[in-house]
Structures are given as C-alpha cells and as structure tokens.
Amino acid sequence: MSIFTAFLSGLVFGLGLLVSGMAEPAKVLGFLDIAGAWDPSLVLVMGGAVVAGLAAFRLARRRATTYLGLPLALPTARQLDRRLIVGSLVFGIGWGLVGLCPGPALVGLGSGQWQAFVFVAAMLAGMGIFQWLEKSRS
C-alpha cells in the first residue's frame, strides 16, 4: 500500500508541476529574470506550497505514525552548517542556470525533454560524487 501511495503522491506532484507550468524551464527562468521580463507566477506557486507545507508539518508534529501506520520521522536538525549552505548554493546555481530542479526534471524525463536527461545525468553524477566523498571522509 505504501508503494501505491508514494506513486500516487508523485503523480499528483508531477501533475501539479505540469498544471502550474513549473515543469517548463522557461517559466522558472522568467521568474529568476528580475531585471528583464519578470514572471511572478512562481511566487504564487511557492506561496501555496509553503502554506500547505506549514499546515502539513503542524499536523505531523502531533502524530507518531503516518496515516498508513508507518513511523513518522520529522527533521530535527536546526543548525546551519557549511555543508548545508554550500549545498544550497550549488542547488540554487544549477536551478538558475537551467530552470530545473529534481521534481520538474523527472517530469521532463517523462515528456522526453533532452535537457531533462542531461540534468538528471548531472544530478546523479553529483549524488555519486557526494557519496564517494562521504565514504572517503570516514
């Protein structure tokens, strides 16, 4: 049941990205172009996501299990460290360069966008490099 729920959640998320236009890199880049033809629609999408997320986290804090009966583990880290800041910068730079982040890139894979294939390959390579660096650290 949890695999079906995960699939359904991903499907709803992907459909939301398609309906809102956020799976289109040009739309995201238009939002980031504050000195040119700025498209503020991403602010509304982000605002809606933040409100929904706040409500979901508020509800989740009162629970020990999910609605499916699985353990519910919320993030506990509160400190800003170098790794978080550098990772955020790398994510933001990549997002700003191509207008994609992981969710829309996966939607792009499904629609056959070649840019999404390049992005996902680079993302997987970055994840592999991170894992390699983590193993060499310990």
Protein backbone atom coordinates (compact mmCIF):
# COMPACT_ATOMS: atom_id res chain seq x y z
CA MET A 1 0.00 0.00 0.00
CA SER A 2 2.81 2.46 0.78
CA ILE A 3 4.34 1.99 -2.71
CA PHE A 4 0.97 2.78 -4.27
CA THR A 5 0.60 5.86 -2.04
CA ALA A 6 4.11 7.03 -2.92
CA PHE A 7 3.34 6.57 -6.62
CA LEU A 8 0.04 8.43 -6.28
CA SER A 9 1.73 11.27 -4.36
CA GLY A 10 4.40 11.56 -7.04
CA LEU A 11 1.77 11.56 -9.74
CA VAL A 12 -0.18 14.36 -8.03
CA PHE A 13 3.06 16.33 -7.53
CA GLY A 14 4.01 15.88 -11.19
CA LEU A 15 0.54 16.90 -12.37
CA GLY A 16 0.75 19.97 -10.15
CA LEU A 17 4.06 20.91 -11.75
CA LEU A 18 2.57 20.48 -15.21
CA VAL A 19 -0.62 22.42 -14.45
CA SER A 20 1.28 25.29 -12.81
CA GLY A 21 3.83 25.43 -15.62
CA MET A 22 6.70 24.84 -13.25
CA ALA A 23 7.93 21.88 -15.30
CA GLU A 24 8.84 24.37 -18.05
CA PRO A 25 12.38 25.72 -17.56
CA ALA A 26 11.48 28.94 -19.43
CA LYS A 27 8.79 29.71 -16.82
CA VAL A 28 11.24 29.28 -13.94
CA LEU A 29 13.94 31.30 -15.71
CA GLY A 30 11.34 34.03 -16.31
CA PHE A 31 10.79 34.18 -12.55
CA LEU A 32 14.53 34.43 -11.92
CA ASP A 33 14.95 37.23 -14.50
CA ILE A 34 14.09 40.09 -12.14
CA ALA A 35 15.89 42.65 -14.33
CA GLY A 36 14.05 41.63 -17.52
CA ALA A 37 10.64 40.20 -18.31
CA TRP A 38 9.95 39.02 -14.76
CA ASP A 39 7.20 36.40 -14.36
CA PRO A 40 5.91 36.50 -10.74
CA SER A 41 3.67 33.41 -11.05
CA LEU A 42 6.23 31.19 -9.30
CA VAL A 43 5.77 33.31 -6.16
CA LEU A 44 2.13 32.21 -6.03
CA VAL A 45 3.06 28.55 -6.55
CA MET A 46 5.76 28.75 -3.86
CA GLY A 47 3.44 30.60 -1.50
CA GLY A 48 0.77 27.93 -1.91
CA ALA A 49 3.37 25.21 -1.30
CA VAL A 50 4.65 26.95 1.85
CA VAL A 51 1.14 27.32 3.28
CA ALA A 52 0.30 23.68 2.53
CA GLY A 53 3.66 22.55 3.93
CA LEU A 54 3.23 24.53 7.14
CA ALA A 55 -0.20 23.02 7.69
CA ALA A 56 1.09 19.51 6.97
CA PHE A 57 4.06 19.86 9.34
CA ARG A 58 1.84 21.27 12.07
CA LEU A 59 -0.43 18.26 11.76
CA ALA A 60 2.51 15.84 11.51
CA ARG A 61 4.09 17.12 14.73
CA ARG A 62 1.11 15.77 16.64
CA ARG A 63 1.46 12.27 15.19
CA ALA A 64 3.87 9.37 15.73
CA THR A 65 2.79 7.45 12.63
CA THR A 66 1.60 8.27 9.14
CA TYR A 67 -1.97 7.62 8.05
CA LEU A 68 -0.66 4.35 6.62
CA GLY A 69 0.70 3.34 10.02
CA LEU A 70 4.37 3.84 9.13
CA PRO A 71 6.75 5.57 11.56
CA LEU A 72 6.81 9.33 11.12
CA ALA A 73 10.29 10.83 11.40
CA LEU A 74 10.42 14.61 11.04
CA PRO A 75 13.69 16.50 10.56
CA THR A 76 15.31 17.54 13.84
CA ALA A 77 18.44 19.43 12.71
CA ARG A 78 18.23 23.17 13.30
CA GLN A 79 21.78 24.39 12.73
CA LEU A 80 23.09 25.98 9.55
CA ASP A 81 26.44 24.45 8.72
CA ARG A 82 28.89 24.78 5.85
CA ARG A 83 27.60 21.68 4.07
CA LEU A 84 24.01 22.95 4.07
CA ILE A 85 25.00 26.39 2.82
CA VAL A 86 27.30 25.07 0.07
CA GLY A 87 24.70 22.50 -0.99
CA SER A 88 22.05 25.22 -1.14
CA LEU A 89 24.32 27.40 -3.26
CA VAL A 90 25.07 24.57 -5.68
CA PHE A 91 21.35 23.76 -5.93
CA GLY A 92 20.44 27.42 -6.49
CA ILE A 93 23.13 27.97 -9.12
CA GLY A 94 22.04 24.86 -11.01
CA TRP A 95 18.39 25.90 -10.76
CA GLY A 96 19.23 29.38 -12.02
CA LEU A 97 21.32 28.13 -14.93
CA VAL A 98 18.84 25.67 -16.40
CA GLY A 99 15.49 26.37 -14.70
CA LEU A 100 15.14 22.81 -13.42
CA CYS A 101 15.25 21.17 -10.03
CA PRO A 102 14.78 17.43 -9.37
CA GLY A 103 10.96 17.29 -9.45
CA PRO A 104 10.47 19.13 -12.74
CA ALA A 105 13.46 17.29 -14.22
CA LEU A 106 11.73 13.95 -13.58
CA VAL A 107 8.56 15.31 -15.17
CA GLY A 108 10.74 16.37 -18.12
CA LEU A 109 12.10 12.84 -18.39
CA GLY A 110 8.55 11.56 -18.72
CA SER A 111 7.82 14.01 -21.52
CA GLY A 112 11.09 13.23 -23.33
CA GLN A 113 12.84 16.60 -22.91
CA TRP A 114 16.52 16.09 -23.76
CA GLN A 115 17.51 18.85 -21.29
CA ALA A 116 15.92 16.84 -18.50
CA PHE A 117 18.00 13.79 -19.44
CA VAL A 118 21.19 15.89 -19.26
CA PHE A 119 20.09 17.44 -15.97
CA VAL A 120 19.20 14.10 -14.37
CA ALA A 121 22.50 12.57 -15.54
CA ALA A 122 24.39 15.51 -13.98
CA MET A 123 22.30 15.23 -10.82
CA LEU A 124 23.03 11.51 -10.50
CA ALA A 125 26.73 12.16 -11.11
CA GLY A 126 26.68 14.80 -8.36
CA MET A 127 24.97 12.39 -5.99
CA GLY A 128 27.59 9.76 -6.80
CA ILE A 129 30.44 12.21 -6.19
CA PHE A 130 28.87 13.19 -2.87
CA GLN A 131 28.61 9.54 -1.81
CA TRP A 132 32.23 8.93 -2.84
CA LEU A 133 33.40 11.99 -0.87
CA GLU A 134 31.40 10.88 2.18
CA LYS A 135 32.94 7.39 2.07
CA SER A 136 36.45 8.79 1.67
CA ARG A 137 35.83 11.09 4.66
CA SER A 138 35.09 8.22 7.02
